[in-house]
Amino acid sequence: MGDYVFALTASLIVGIAVARYLGPEMYGIISYAIAIYAVAVIVVSLGIDDIIIRDMMQQPEKKGIIQGSALFIKFIAALIIYLIILVYSFFNFEGNKLYVVCIIAAAVFFQPLSVFSSIFLINAQSKYTSIARMISYTLSSILKIIFIIVKAPVIYFAFAVFLDYAVLYISVIIMYKAKKYSIKGWCIDFDFIKYILKNAVPLFSIVMFYTFYQKITVIMISSMYSDYAAGIYSVAIRLTEVWYLVPAVLMTALYPAFINAKKVSEEEYHKRIKNLFYITSFPFILMAFLVTLLSPFIINLLYGEKYIQSSIVLAVTIWVTPFILFYTISSKYFILENKTAHLLLRSALSFILAAVLNFILGKYYYLEGFSISLVISAFISFFLIDIFFKDTRWLFFIKLSSIFLPLIKGLNLLKKDKTNP
């Protein structure tokens, strides 16, 4: 967890400095390119990461086949997706935007190396991945600060983003070798590739739609309005997305424990899920409320007057975070229960709603419309939808109680204090 706190802090501080230096238009170009990369890297991952971990835990004797086959198919996917991005970019962009998109998107070739980190996760050695992440963030942050000092153009910052991902995955490989793990025994099994792709189709679709939901707004703003507008929106959504990582980190760390709890008993397994909702929900809601109240002050303090339009975006989009928390916890439950159809429905619905509402509300209400559409689509897709299905209705009521139960308990405590001075 410490590495994520460090990474979030460094990324936020340096990101603020970069945004202030580049200005809304150039920062919008960087944000657009990162959004394209985010979509590309999900396509390259093929949705097989959780399957790899699950199969390596359940069939340790096949680790070589699993990792070798996964690495091969991911590299093929990286090559195909990058060629598509190159062709699209050459026909649609020019100048800085062309170069920035092509440079940052090239980092997709490092994503297949995430296969090496899976061994750390299943052996409870995630600290080594954490060390690699801290190294990459540190070097990237130093590089960006140097570029600001020397007043470098936007292309240099694109290289810094590229190197961030490169150093991360290269560091993971170094840690892999340092712990005496070996690629000896790794091999490509085309039957296993067919199996994993077949099983990954639902998960791939889920992750793809979910990523589109998160990144489609920046892409649409840039296309419908300008890179300047994308920059204004991006600084606010960056502050919001910082909070997305908290449940993601939590569930990555707890996923093996959930698997083990399910092996022990269904009661213990469901108890852990319920407790996680109760522990995490109210703090997120309280945080969103405070950020909404303080959004003009936060934006002006961090980014300056030229980004003041971002305050309304932050005040609205911060309310997405509780629903992202619900989605992240629920997604692991659905995967373990082999109920990927539920996940696919939620992810697809979130993307479709976001795209449609962006087009309607964004067209008439500018950045406020894009922000509202993000929250509405999350509320429906990650919270309200559970009530319509018999096997997920219990999740809806747990989510609902996790929101209001702490508030009710707090009010009861206040009443007791008043009656017992």
Protein backbone atom coordinates (compact mmCIF):
# COMPACT_ATOMS: atom_id res chain seq x y z
CA MET A 1 0.00 0.00 0.00
CA GLY A 2 2.91 2.33 0.76
CA ASP A 3 4.04 2.34 -2.85
CA TYR A 4 0.62 3.45 -4.02
CA VAL A 5 0.53 6.27 -1.46
CA PHE A 6 3.96 7.36 -2.69
CA ALA A 7 2.95 6.96 -6.34
CA LEU A 8 -0.29 8.87 -5.89
CA THR A 9 1.44 11.67 -4.01
CA ALA A 10 4.31 11.97 -6.50
CA SER A 11 1.99 11.67 -9.50
CA LEU A 12 -0.40 14.28 -8.13
CA ILE A 13 2.26 16.82 -7.15
CA VAL A 14 4.28 16.48 -10.34
CA GLY A 15 1.10 16.27 -12.43
CA ILE A 16 -0.05 19.58 -11.00
CA ALA A 17 3.31 21.17 -11.85
CA VAL A 18 3.16 19.77 -15.40
CA ALA A 19 -0.42 21.02 -15.91
CA ARG A 20 0.47 24.51 -14.67
CA TYR A 21 3.55 24.60 -16.93
CA LEU A 22 1.95 23.25 -20.11
CA GLY A 23 -1.35 25.09 -19.86
CA PRO A 24 -4.80 23.67 -20.73
CA GLU A 25 -4.23 23.10 -24.46
CA MET A 26 -0.91 21.21 -24.28
CA TYR A 27 -2.02 19.37 -21.15
CA GLY A 28 -5.15 18.40 -23.05
CA ILE A 29 -3.00 16.80 -25.77
CA ILE A 30 -1.06 14.80 -23.16
CA SER A 31 -4.33 13.74 -21.49
CA TYR A 32 -5.81 12.68 -24.82
CA ALA A 33 -2.73 10.56 -25.61
CA ILE A 34 -2.83 8.91 -22.18
CA ALA A 35 -6.53 8.12 -22.71
CA ILE A 36 -5.67 6.45 -26.03
CA TYR A 37 -2.88 4.51 -24.30
CA ALA A 38 -5.24 3.42 -21.50
CA VAL A 39 -7.68 1.97 -24.03
CA ALA A 40 -4.84 0.33 -25.97
CA VAL A 41 -3.24 -1.26 -22.92
CA ILE A 42 -6.55 -2.83 -21.92
CA VAL A 43 -6.92 -4.33 -25.38
CA VAL A 44 -3.37 -5.70 -25.10
CA SER A 45 -4.07 -7.20 -21.67
CA LEU A 46 -6.88 -9.25 -23.29
CA GLY A 47 -8.60 -9.47 -19.91
CA ILE A 48 -6.53 -12.51 -18.96
CA ASP A 49 -4.64 -11.21 -15.92
CA ASP A 50 -7.09 -12.51 -13.30
CA ILE A 51 -7.39 -15.80 -15.18
CA ILE A 52 -3.60 -16.17 -15.18
CA ILE A 53 -3.44 -15.68 -11.41
CA ARG A 54 -6.38 -18.02 -10.79
CA ASP A 55 -4.98 -20.80 -12.99
CA MET A 56 -1.46 -20.47 -11.58
CA MET A 57 -2.87 -20.85 -8.06
CA GLN A 58 -5.08 -23.79 -9.00
CA GLN A 59 -2.57 -25.52 -11.34
CA PRO A 60 0.95 -24.60 -10.16
CA GLU A 61 2.48 -27.38 -12.26
CA LYS A 62 1.43 -25.48 -15.41
CA LYS A 63 3.00 -22.11 -14.52
CA GLY A 64 5.48 -22.30 -17.41
CA ILE A 65 2.76 -22.93 -19.99
CA ILE A 66 0.48 -20.26 -18.52
CA GLN A 67 3.11 -17.50 -18.37
CA GLY A 68 4.80 -18.33 -21.67
CA SER A 69 1.54 -18.48 -23.60
CA ALA A 70 0.22 -15.29 -21.98
CA LEU A 71 3.41 -13.38 -22.81
CA PHE A 72 3.29 -14.48 -26.46
CA ILE A 73 -0.34 -13.61 -27.11
CA LYS A 74 -0.01 -10.23 -25.37
CA PHE A 75 2.94 -9.24 -27.56
CA ILE A 76 0.97 -10.13 -30.68
CA ALA A 77 -1.93 -7.99 -29.42
CA ALA A 78 0.47 -5.09 -28.64
CA LEU A 79 1.88 -5.14 -32.17
CA ILE A 80 -1.56 -5.13 -33.79
CA ILE A 81 -3.04 -2.37 -31.62
CA TYR A 82 0.00 -0.11 -32.02
CA LEU A 83 -0.09 -0.42 -35.81
CA ILE A 84 -3.77 0.58 -35.73
CA ILE A 85 -2.97 3.63 -33.58
CA LEU A 86 -0.13 4.64 -35.91
CA VAL A 87 -2.30 4.47 -39.03
CA TYR A 88 -5.18 6.34 -37.35
CA SER A 89 -2.84 9.03 -35.99
CA PHE A 90 -1.12 9.70 -39.32
CA PHE A 91 -4.46 10.28 -41.02
CA ASN A 92 -6.11 12.33 -38.26
CA PHE A 93 -3.45 14.27 -36.34
CA GLU A 94 -0.53 16.53 -37.09
CA GLY A 95 2.21 18.39 -35.26
CA ASN A 96 2.54 17.92 -31.51
CA LYS A 97 -0.59 15.81 -31.20
CA LEU A 98 0.65 13.27 -33.75
CA TYR A 99 4.03 12.84 -32.06
CA VAL A 100 2.68 12.79 -28.51
CA VAL A 101 0.06 10.12 -29.27
CA CYS A 102 2.55 7.89 -31.13
CA ILE A 103 5.21 8.18 -28.40
CA ILE A 104 2.94 7.47 -25.44
CA ALA A 105 1.03 4.71 -27.23
CA ALA A 106 4.33 2.89 -27.90
CA ALA A 107 4.39 2.01 -24.19
CA VAL A 108 1.84 -0.74 -24.93
CA PHE A 109 4.80 -2.95 -25.85
CA PHE A 110 5.75 -3.09 -22.17
CA GLN A 111 2.33 -4.23 -20.92
CA PRO A 112 2.92 -7.92 -21.84
CA LEU A 113 5.76 -7.92 -19.31
CA SER A 114 3.12 -7.71 -16.56
CA VAL A 115 3.10 -11.51 -16.81
CA PHE A 116 6.30 -11.49 -14.75
CA SER A 117 4.56 -9.77 -11.83
CA SER A 118 1.89 -12.50 -11.51
CA ILE A 119 4.33 -14.79 -9.68
CA PHE A 120 4.79 -12.12 -7.01
CA LEU A 121 1.04 -11.82 -6.46
CA ILE A 122 0.37 -15.52 -5.98
CA ASN A 123 3.36 -15.88 -3.63
CA ALA A 124 2.37 -12.87 -1.49
CA GLN A 125 5.46 -10.99 -2.69
CA SER A 126 3.72 -7.96 -4.16
CA LYS A 127 6.25 -5.73 -2.38
CA TYR A 128 8.67 -6.35 -5.25
CA THR A 129 6.17 -5.01 -7.75
CA SER A 130 5.72 -2.10 -5.35
CA ILE A 131 9.46 -1.40 -5.37
CA ALA A 132 9.46 -1.40 -9.18
CA ARG A 133 6.52 1.00 -9.20
CA MET A 134 8.26 3.37 -6.79
CA ILE A 135 11.41 3.34 -8.93
CA SER A 136 9.46 4.18 -12.09
CA TYR A 137 7.45 6.96 -10.46
CA THR A 138 10.56 8.48 -8.88
CA LEU A 139 12.55 8.57 -12.13
CA SER A 140 9.58 9.79 -14.15
CA SER A 141 8.83 12.54 -11.63
CA ILE A 142 12.44 13.74 -11.56
CA LEU A 143 12.52 13.79 -15.35
CA LYS A 144 9.33 15.84 -15.59
CA ILE A 145 10.63 18.35 -13.03
CA ILE A 146 13.84 18.74 -15.06
CA PHE A 147 11.79 19.31 -18.22
CA ILE A 148 9.79 22.03 -16.45
CA ILE A 149 12.97 23.73 -15.23
CA VAL A 150 14.57 23.76 -18.70
CA LYS A 151 11.22 24.79 -20.29
CA ALA A 152 11.05 21.73 -22.55
CA PRO A 153 8.29 21.37 -25.19
CA VAL A 154 5.35 18.99 -24.77
CA ILE A 155 7.03 16.14 -26.71
CA TYR A 156 9.59 15.74 -23.93
CA PHE A 157 6.79 15.11 -21.46
CA ALA A 158 5.44 12.43 -23.78
CA PHE A 159 8.83 10.70 -23.55
CA ALA A 160 8.66 10.99 -19.75
CA VAL A 161 5.30 9.19 -19.73
CA PHE A 162 6.70 6.50 -22.04
CA LEU A 163 9.74 6.00 -19.79
CA ASP A 164 7.49 5.75 -16.75
CA TYR A 165 5.91 2.55 -18.09
CA ALA A 166 9.19 1.27 -19.52
CA VAL A 167 11.07 1.57 -16.22
CA LEU A 168 8.18 -0.03 -14.32
CA TYR A 169 8.11 -3.25 -16.31
CA ILE A 170 11.88 -3.48 -16.77
CA SER A 171 12.24 -3.12 -12.99
CA VAL A 172 9.73 -5.95 -12.50
CA ILE A 173 11.90 -8.21 -14.66
CA ILE A 174 14.99 -7.24 -12.66
CA MET A 175 13.15 -8.12 -9.42
CA TYR A 176 12.03 -11.37 -11.00
CA LYS A 177 15.63 -12.32 -11.73
CA ALA A 178 16.84 -11.09 -8.33
CA LYS A 179 14.43 -13.48 -6.56
CA LYS A 180 15.90 -16.39 -8.57
CA TYR A 181 12.75 -16.96 -10.60
CA SER A 182 13.45 -18.27 -14.07
CA ILE A 183 11.78 -18.38 -17.47
CA LYS A 184 13.15 -21.89 -17.86
CA GLY A 185 10.17 -24.08 -18.56
CA TRP A 186 8.17 -21.28 -20.13
CA CYS A 187 6.64 -22.39 -23.40
CA ILE A 188 3.91 -21.54 -25.86
CA ASP A 189 0.95 -23.89 -25.90
CA PHE A 190 -1.56 -23.01 -28.60
CA ASP A 191 -4.23 -25.20 -27.03
CA PHE A 192 -3.84 -23.22 -23.81
CA ILE A 193 -3.96 -19.95 -25.80
CA LYS A 194 -7.29 -21.05 -27.30
CA TYR A 195 -8.54 -21.97 -23.82
CA ILE A 196 -7.47 -18.70 -22.20
CA LEU A 197 -8.81 -16.52 -25.03
CA LYS A 198 -12.12 -18.36 -24.96
CA ASN A 199 -12.39 -17.86 -21.21
CA ALA A 200 -11.12 -14.29 -21.42
CA VAL A 201 -13.71 -13.03 -23.92
CA PRO A 202 -16.23 -12.03 -21.23
CA LEU A 203 -13.52 -10.54 -18.97
CA PHE A 204 -11.89 -8.77 -21.91
CA SER A 205 -15.20 -7.24 -22.93
CA ILE A 206 -15.85 -6.21 -19.33
CA VAL A 207 -12.52 -4.46 -18.86
CA MET A 208 -12.66 -2.91 -22.33
CA PHE A 209 -16.12 -1.39 -21.78
CA TYR A 210 -15.15 -0.22 -18.29
CA THR A 211 -12.02 1.49 -19.62
CA PHE A 212 -14.00 3.06 -22.44
CA TYR A 213 -16.41 4.36 -19.79
CA GLN A 214 -13.53 6.00 -17.91
CA LYS A 215 -11.66 7.42 -20.91
CA ILE A 216 -14.32 8.09 -23.53
CA THR A 217 -15.15 11.51 -22.08
CA VAL A 218 -11.67 13.00 -22.60
CA ILE A 219 -11.61 11.63 -26.14
CA MET A 220 -15.10 12.99 -26.90
CA ILE A 221 -14.35 16.43 -25.43
CA SER A 222 -11.21 16.71 -27.55
CA SER A 223 -13.14 15.65 -30.66
CA MET A 224 -16.32 17.69 -30.03
CA TYR A 225 -14.65 20.83 -28.68
CA SER A 226 -10.88 21.27 -28.37
CA ASP A 227 -7.68 20.13 -26.66
CA TYR A 228 -8.07 23.18 -24.42
CA ALA A 229 -11.44 21.90 -23.16
CA ALA A 230 -9.94 18.43 -22.72
CA GLY A 231 -7.19 19.98 -20.59
CA ILE A 232 -9.69 21.81 -18.38
CA TYR A 233 -11.66 18.59 -17.86
CA SER A 234 -8.55 16.44 -17.38
CA VAL A 235 -7.10 18.27 -14.38
CA ALA A 236 -10.37 17.75 -12.49
CA ILE A 237 -10.87 14.15 -13.52
CA ARG A 238 -7.24 13.46 -12.57
CA LEU A 239 -8.01 14.49 -8.99
CA THR A 240 -11.10 12.27 -9.09
CA GLU A 241 -9.26 9.29 -10.57
CA VAL A 242 -6.68 9.37 -7.79
CA TRP A 243 -9.41 7.89 -5.61
CA TYR A 244 -10.20 5.13 -8.15
CA LEU A 245 -6.87 3.54 -7.30
CA VAL A 246 -7.68 3.02 -3.63
CA PRO A 247 -10.29 0.25 -4.14
CA ALA A 248 -8.23 -1.15 -7.04
CA VAL A 249 -5.17 -1.53 -4.81
CA LEU A 250 -7.28 -2.91 -1.99
CA MET A 251 -8.90 -5.58 -4.14
CA THR A 252 -5.64 -6.56 -5.86
CA ALA A 253 -4.16 -7.23 -2.42
CA LEU A 254 -7.27 -8.98 -1.05
CA TYR A 255 -8.16 -11.08 -4.11
CA PRO A 256 -6.06 -14.12 -3.05
CA ALA A 257 -7.56 -13.84 0.47
CA PHE A 258 -11.06 -13.86 -1.03
CA ILE A 259 -10.19 -17.02 -2.96
CA ASN A 260 -8.93 -18.70 0.22
CA ALA A 261 -11.98 -17.54 2.23
CA LYS A 262 -14.28 -19.09 -0.36
CA LYS A 263 -12.41 -22.39 0.06
CA VAL A 264 -13.01 -22.25 3.82
CA SER A 265 -16.75 -21.46 3.75
CA GLU A 266 -19.34 -19.41 1.90
CA GLU A 267 -20.28 -17.72 5.17
CA GLU A 268 -16.75 -16.45 5.78
CA TYR A 269 -16.47 -15.40 2.15
CA HIS A 270 -19.69 -13.34 2.21
CA LYS A 271 -18.80 -11.87 5.59
CA ARG A 272 -15.55 -10.48 4.18
CA ILE A 273 -17.35 -8.91 1.23
CA LYS A 274 -19.97 -7.32 3.50
CA ASN A 275 -17.37 -5.96 5.92
CA LEU A 276 -15.36 -4.46 3.08
CA PHE A 277 -18.38 -2.51 1.84
CA TYR A 278 -19.13 -1.24 5.35
CA ILE A 279 -15.56 -0.20 6.09
CA THR A 280 -14.91 1.66 2.82
CA SER A 281 -18.19 3.23 1.64
CA PHE A 282 -18.85 6.01 4.13
CA PRO A 283 -15.29 7.47 4.04
CA PHE A 284 -15.60 7.79 0.25
CA ILE A 285 -18.95 9.58 0.53
CA LEU A 286 -17.61 11.93 3.20
CA MET A 287 -14.57 12.68 1.03
CA ALA A 288 -16.81 13.43 -2.00
CA PHE A 289 -18.94 15.81 0.07
CA LEU A 290 -15.90 17.75 1.31
CA VAL A 291 -14.33 17.96 -2.15
CA THR A 292 -17.59 19.30 -3.60
CA LEU A 293 -17.68 22.08 -1.03
CA LEU A 294 -14.02 22.98 -1.50
CA SER A 295 -13.61 22.41 -5.26
CA PRO A 296 -13.07 26.09 -6.28
CA PHE A 297 -10.48 26.51 -3.54
CA ILE A 298 -8.76 23.20 -4.44
CA ILE A 299 -8.51 23.99 -8.16
CA ASN A 300 -7.34 27.57 -7.64
CA LEU A 301 -4.75 26.50 -5.06
CA LEU A 302 -3.35 23.59 -7.07
CA TYR A 303 -3.71 24.66 -10.71
CA GLY A 304 -4.23 28.41 -10.70
CA GLU A 305 -6.81 30.78 -12.13
CA LYS A 306 -6.46 29.55 -15.74
CA TYR A 307 -7.98 26.19 -14.70
CA ILE A 308 -10.78 27.63 -12.54
CA GLN A 309 -13.42 26.17 -14.92
CA SER A 310 -12.27 22.76 -13.69
CA SER A 311 -13.84 23.38 -10.27
CA ILE A 312 -17.38 22.56 -11.40
CA VAL A 313 -16.09 19.41 -13.12
CA LEU A 314 -14.38 18.30 -9.90
CA ALA A 315 -17.43 19.12 -7.77
CA VAL A 316 -19.58 16.82 -9.92
CA THR A 317 -17.23 14.00 -10.99
CA ILE A 318 -15.97 13.32 -7.46
CA TRP A 319 -19.35 11.66 -6.81
CA VAL A 320 -18.38 8.90 -9.21
CA THR A 321 -15.89 7.54 -6.66
CA PRO A 322 -18.35 5.73 -4.33
CA PHE A 323 -19.86 3.95 -7.33
CA ILE A 324 -16.41 3.00 -8.63
CA LEU A 325 -15.74 1.52 -5.19
CA PHE A 326 -18.95 -0.54 -5.44
CA TYR A 327 -18.01 -1.72 -8.92
CA THR A 328 -14.48 -2.72 -7.93
CA ILE A 329 -15.54 -4.82 -4.95
CA SER A 330 -18.47 -6.39 -6.81
CA SER A 331 -16.32 -7.25 -9.82
CA LYS A 332 -14.09 -9.60 -7.81
CA TYR A 333 -17.18 -11.28 -6.39
CA PHE A 334 -18.65 -11.82 -9.85
CA ILE A 335 -15.35 -13.23 -11.16
CA LEU A 336 -15.04 -15.71 -8.29
CA GLU A 337 -18.67 -16.76 -8.75
CA ASN A 338 -18.22 -17.11 -12.53
CA LYS A 339 -20.99 -14.56 -13.02
CA THR A 340 -19.14 -12.58 -15.64
CA ALA A 341 -22.39 -11.88 -17.50
CA HIS A 342 -23.32 -9.47 -14.70
CA LEU A 343 -19.98 -7.70 -15.01
CA LEU A 344 -20.27 -7.50 -18.78
CA LEU A 345 -23.74 -5.99 -18.52
CA ARG A 346 -22.58 -3.35 -16.03
CA SER A 347 -19.47 -2.41 -17.98
CA ALA A 348 -21.26 -2.27 -21.33
CA LEU A 349 -24.13 -0.28 -19.85
CA SER A 350 -21.76 2.24 -18.24
CA PHE A 351 -19.98 2.83 -21.55
CA ILE A 352 -23.18 3.09 -23.59
CA LEU A 353 -24.82 5.44 -21.10
CA ALA A 354 -21.68 7.59 -20.83
CA ALA A 355 -21.31 7.85 -24.62
CA VAL A 356 -24.98 8.67 -25.22
CA LEU A 357 -25.28 11.09 -22.30
CA ASN A 358 -21.96 12.73 -23.23
CA PHE A 359 -23.28 13.41 -26.70
CA ILE A 360 -26.59 14.80 -25.40
CA LEU A 361 -25.58 16.64 -22.22
CA GLY A 362 -22.08 17.55 -23.41
CA LYS A 363 -23.47 19.10 -26.56
CA TYR A 364 -25.81 21.42 -24.66
CA TYR A 365 -24.12 21.92 -21.28
CA TYR A 366 -20.41 21.74 -22.19
CA LEU A 367 -18.12 20.38 -19.43
CA GLU A 368 -20.88 20.35 -16.81
CA GLY A 369 -22.87 18.05 -19.09
CA PHE A 370 -19.96 15.64 -19.55
CA SER A 371 -19.43 15.56 -15.78
CA ILE A 372 -23.08 14.87 -14.98
CA SER A 373 -23.26 12.09 -17.58
CA LEU A 374 -20.31 10.34 -15.92
CA VAL A 375 -22.06 10.29 -12.54
CA ILE A 376 -25.47 9.25 -13.89
CA SER A 377 -24.02 6.35 -15.86
CA ALA A 378 -22.03 5.17 -12.80
CA PHE A 379 -25.06 5.43 -10.49
CA ILE A 380 -27.22 3.31 -12.80
CA SER A 381 -24.57 0.81 -13.91
CA PHE A 382 -22.67 0.19 -10.67
CA PHE A 383 -25.36 0.66 -8.02
CA LEU A 384 -29.01 0.79 -9.07
CA ILE A 385 -28.84 -2.13 -11.50
CA ASP A 386 -28.31 -4.71 -8.73
CA ILE A 387 -31.88 -4.33 -7.50
CA PHE A 388 -33.26 -5.66 -10.80
CA PHE A 389 -31.67 -9.13 -10.51
CA LYS A 390 -32.62 -11.69 -7.87
CA ASP A 391 -29.08 -13.03 -7.36
CA THR A 392 -27.55 -9.55 -6.95
CA ARG A 393 -30.30 -7.88 -4.92
CA TRP A 394 -28.45 -8.67 -1.69
CA LEU A 395 -25.49 -6.67 -3.03
CA PHE A 396 -27.75 -3.68 -3.64
CA PHE A 397 -29.01 -3.71 -0.05
CA ILE A 398 -25.49 -4.13 1.35
CA LYS A 399 -24.34 -1.14 -0.71
CA LEU A 400 -27.37 0.85 0.39
CA SER A 401 -26.86 0.01 4.07
CA SER A 402 -23.13 0.74 3.82
CA ILE A 403 -24.08 4.28 2.78
CA PHE A 404 -26.72 4.99 5.42
CA LEU A 405 -25.87 2.71 8.35
CA PRO A 406 -22.84 4.76 9.52
CA LEU A 407 -24.99 7.91 9.25
CA ILE A 408 -27.79 6.35 11.30
CA LYS A 409 -25.34 5.15 13.94
CA GLY A 410 -23.77 8.60 14.08
CA LEU A 411 -27.18 10.25 14.60
CA ASN A 412 -28.00 7.74 17.35
CA LEU A 413 -24.75 8.58 19.12
CA LEU A 414 -25.58 12.29 18.93
CA LYS A 415 -29.01 11.61 20.44
CA LYS A 416 -27.42 9.65 23.29
CA ASP A 417 -24.99 12.49 23.96
CA LYS A 418 -27.87 14.96 24.18
CA THR A 419 -29.88 12.77 26.55
CA ASN A 420 -26.81 12.03 28.70
CA PRO A 421 -24.99 15.35 29.18
